[in-house]
Amino acid sequence: MNADSFKAWRKSLGLKQKDAAEKLGLKKRVIQYYEKGHRDGKDIEIPKTVELACLALALGFESYDGQPLRGSTLLIPAQGTLADNRPEPEHAAREA
């Protein structure tokens, strides 16, 4: 994620810099640095943890309980939960 895509992410969610900072657990000034791509003449790299938090927020998740994900999962952002999306075994379909 670079400075331009970070800013585009924030705007796509309709967040002000202050709101993005609160949701990501950062200070507003850090958001400003990420969007500029530099601080005091030095390039700033957006940490992978922030990038992944941006993804979670874009998918509608604002928290995670730390439970491991089993198999393939289907994200259901509207409800903010994870649901198991494994197909039923073939023998179960034949028995029905």
C-alpha atoms as a PDB file:
ATOM      1  CA  MET A   1       0.000   0.000   0.000  1.00  0.00           C
ATOM      2  CA  ASN A   2       1.448   3.372  -0.968  1.00  0.00           C
ATOM      3  CA  ALA A   3       0.493   6.921   0.023  1.00  0.00           C
ATOM      4  CA  ASP A   4      -1.983   7.374  -2.833  1.00  0.00           C
ATOM      5  CA  SER A   5      -3.747   4.062  -2.250  1.00  0.00           C
ATOM      6  CA  PHE A   6      -3.890   4.743   1.498  1.00  0.00           C
ATOM      7  CA  LYS A   7      -5.595   8.077   0.882  1.00  0.00           C
ATOM      8  CA  ALA A   8      -7.933   6.474  -1.678  1.00  0.00           C
ATOM      9  CA  TRP A   9      -8.823   3.782   0.901  1.00  0.00           C
ATOM     10  CA  ARG A  10      -9.716   6.430   3.495  1.00  0.00           C
ATOM     11  CA  LYS A  11     -11.796   8.461   1.068  1.00  0.00           C
ATOM     12  CA  SER A  12     -13.571   5.368  -0.299  1.00  0.00           C
ATOM     13  CA  LEU A  13     -14.871   4.712   3.221  1.00  0.00           C
ATOM     14  CA  GLY A  14     -15.857   8.352   3.653  1.00  0.00           C
ATOM     15  CA  LEU A  15     -13.515   8.789   6.599  1.00  0.00           C
ATOM     16  CA  LYS A  16     -11.884  12.008   7.694  1.00  0.00           C
ATOM     17  CA  GLN A  17      -8.252  11.724   8.756  1.00  0.00           C
ATOM     18  CA  LYS A  18      -9.310  11.907  12.399  1.00  0.00           C
ATOM     19  CA  ASP A  19     -11.830   9.078  11.905  1.00  0.00           C
ATOM     20  CA  ALA A  20      -9.285   6.877  10.124  1.00  0.00           C
ATOM     21  CA  ALA A  21      -6.811   7.500  12.933  1.00  0.00           C
ATOM     22  CA  GLU A  22      -9.357   6.456  15.569  1.00  0.00           C
ATOM     23  CA  LYS A  23     -10.354   3.293  13.698  1.00  0.00           C
ATOM     24  CA  LEU A  24      -6.716   2.298  13.133  1.00  0.00           C
ATOM     25  CA  GLY A  25      -5.593   3.228  16.650  1.00  0.00           C
ATOM     26  CA  LEU A  26      -3.176   5.864  15.348  1.00  0.00           C
ATOM     27  CA  LYS A  27      -2.701   9.590  15.735  1.00  0.00           C
ATOM     28  CA  LYS A  28      -4.085  11.899  13.084  1.00  0.00           C
ATOM     29  CA  ARG A  29      -0.560  13.116  12.339  1.00  0.00           C
ATOM     30  CA  VAL A  30       0.504   9.555  11.417  1.00  0.00           C
ATOM     31  CA  ILE A  31      -2.381   9.382   8.936  1.00  0.00           C
ATOM     32  CA  GLN A  32      -1.134  12.624   7.416  1.00  0.00           C
ATOM     33  CA  TYR A  33       2.390  11.196   7.102  1.00  0.00           C
ATOM     34  CA  TYR A  34       1.077   8.028   5.455  1.00  0.00           C
ATOM     35  CA  GLU A  35      -0.894  10.095   2.954  1.00  0.00           C
ATOM     36  CA  LYS A  36       2.109  12.284   2.120  1.00  0.00           C
ATOM     37  CA  GLY A  37       4.426   9.294   1.933  1.00  0.00           C
ATOM     38  CA  HIS A  38       7.190  11.089   3.794  1.00  0.00           C
ATOM     39  CA  ARG A  39       8.112  12.818   7.028  1.00  0.00           C
ATOM     40  CA  ASP A  40      10.924  15.325   7.412  1.00  0.00           C
ATOM     41  CA  GLY A  41      12.244  14.415   3.976  1.00  0.00           C
ATOM     42  CA  LYS A  42      12.339  10.667   4.691  1.00  0.00           C
ATOM     43  CA  ASP A  43      10.070   8.179   2.940  1.00  0.00           C
ATOM     44  CA  ILE A  44       7.503   6.497   5.140  1.00  0.00           C
ATOM     45  CA  GLU A  45       6.443   2.924   4.552  1.00  0.00           C
ATOM     46  CA  ILE A  46       2.955   1.950   5.663  1.00  0.00           C
ATOM     47  CA  PRO A  47       3.359  -1.094   7.933  1.00  0.00           C
ATOM     48  CA  LYS A  48       1.804  -4.391   6.860  1.00  0.00           C
ATOM     49  CA  THR A  49      -0.258  -4.371  10.068  1.00  0.00           C
ATOM     50  CA  VAL A  50      -1.857  -1.059   9.075  1.00  0.00           C
ATOM     51  CA  GLU A  51      -2.420  -2.328   5.543  1.00  0.00           C
ATOM     52  CA  LEU A  52      -4.216  -5.406   6.872  1.00  0.00           C
ATOM     53  CA  ALA A  53      -6.255  -3.291   9.297  1.00  0.00           C
ATOM     54  CA  CYS A  54      -7.318  -1.152   6.329  1.00  0.00           C
ATOM     55  CA  LEU A  55      -8.457  -4.304   4.538  1.00  0.00           C
ATOM     56  CA  ALA A  56     -10.470  -5.446   7.559  1.00  0.00           C
ATOM     57  CA  LEU A  57     -12.158  -2.054   7.851  1.00  0.00           C
ATOM     58  CA  ALA A  58     -12.893  -2.013   4.110  1.00  0.00           C
ATOM     59  CA  LEU A  59     -14.604  -5.403   4.548  1.00  0.00           C
ATOM     60  CA  GLY A  60     -16.697  -4.035   7.397  1.00  0.00           C
ATOM     61  CA  PHE A  61     -14.848  -5.520  10.367  1.00  0.00           C
ATOM     62  CA  GLU A  62     -13.932  -3.254  13.255  1.00  0.00           C
ATOM     63  CA  SER A  63     -12.749  -5.944  15.670  1.00  0.00           C
ATOM     64  CA  TYR A  64     -11.496  -9.519  15.715  1.00  0.00           C
ATOM     65  CA  ASP A  65     -11.857 -11.931  18.617  1.00  0.00           C
ATOM     66  CA  GLY A  66      -8.664 -13.837  17.804  1.00  0.00           C
ATOM     67  CA  GLN A  67     -10.372 -17.136  17.085  1.00  0.00           C
ATOM     68  CA  PRO A  68      -8.591 -19.183  14.391  1.00  0.00           C
ATOM     69  CA  LEU A  69     -10.304 -19.478  11.041  1.00  0.00           C
ATOM     70  CA  ARG A  70     -11.131 -23.036   9.994  1.00  0.00           C
ATOM     71  CA  GLY A  71     -10.989 -24.225   6.394  1.00  0.00           C
ATOM     72  CA  SER A  72     -12.233 -21.798   3.817  1.00  0.00           C
ATOM     73  CA  THR A  73     -14.312 -18.995   5.213  1.00  0.00           C
ATOM     74  CA  LEU A  74     -16.806 -16.571   3.820  1.00  0.00           C
ATOM     75  CA  LEU A  75     -16.700 -13.033   5.121  1.00  0.00           C
ATOM     76  CA  ILE A  76     -20.063 -11.488   5.845  1.00  0.00           C
ATOM     77  CA  PRO A  77     -19.230  -7.793   6.390  1.00  0.00           C
ATOM     78  CA  ALA A  78     -22.802  -6.623   6.902  1.00  0.00           C
ATOM     79  CA  GLN A  79     -23.012  -8.725  10.055  1.00  0.00           C
ATOM     80  CA  GLY A  80     -19.352  -8.366  10.981  1.00  0.00           C
ATOM     81  CA  THR A  81     -18.908 -12.114  11.483  1.00  0.00           C
ATOM     82  CA  LEU A  82     -17.138 -15.029   9.902  1.00  0.00           C
ATOM     83  CA  ALA A  83     -19.081 -18.023   8.642  1.00  0.00           C
ATOM     84  CA  ASP A  84     -17.781 -21.426   7.649  1.00  0.00           C
ATOM     85  CA  ASN A  85     -18.239 -21.832   3.887  1.00  0.00           C
ATOM     86  CA  ARG A  86     -17.185 -25.431   3.416  1.00  0.00           C
ATOM     87  CA  PRO A  87     -19.418 -27.462   1.090  1.00  0.00           C
ATOM     88  CA  GLU A  88     -21.266 -30.393   2.585  1.00  0.00           C
ATOM     89  CA  PRO A  89     -19.585 -33.753   2.129  1.00  0.00           C
ATOM     90  CA  GLU A  90     -20.870 -35.690  -0.894  1.00  0.00           C
ATOM     91  CA  HIS A  91     -22.278 -38.523   1.225  1.00  0.00           C
ATOM     92  CA  ALA A  92     -24.459 -36.046   3.160  1.00  0.00           C
ATOM     93  CA  ALA A  93     -26.028 -34.830  -0.076  1.00  0.00           C
ATOM     94  CA  ARG A  94     -26.801 -38.421  -1.171  1.00  0.00           C
ATOM     95  CA  GLU A  95     -28.392 -39.293   2.175  1.00  0.00           C
ATOM     96  CA  ALA A  96     -30.834 -36.406   2.001  1.00  0.00           C
END
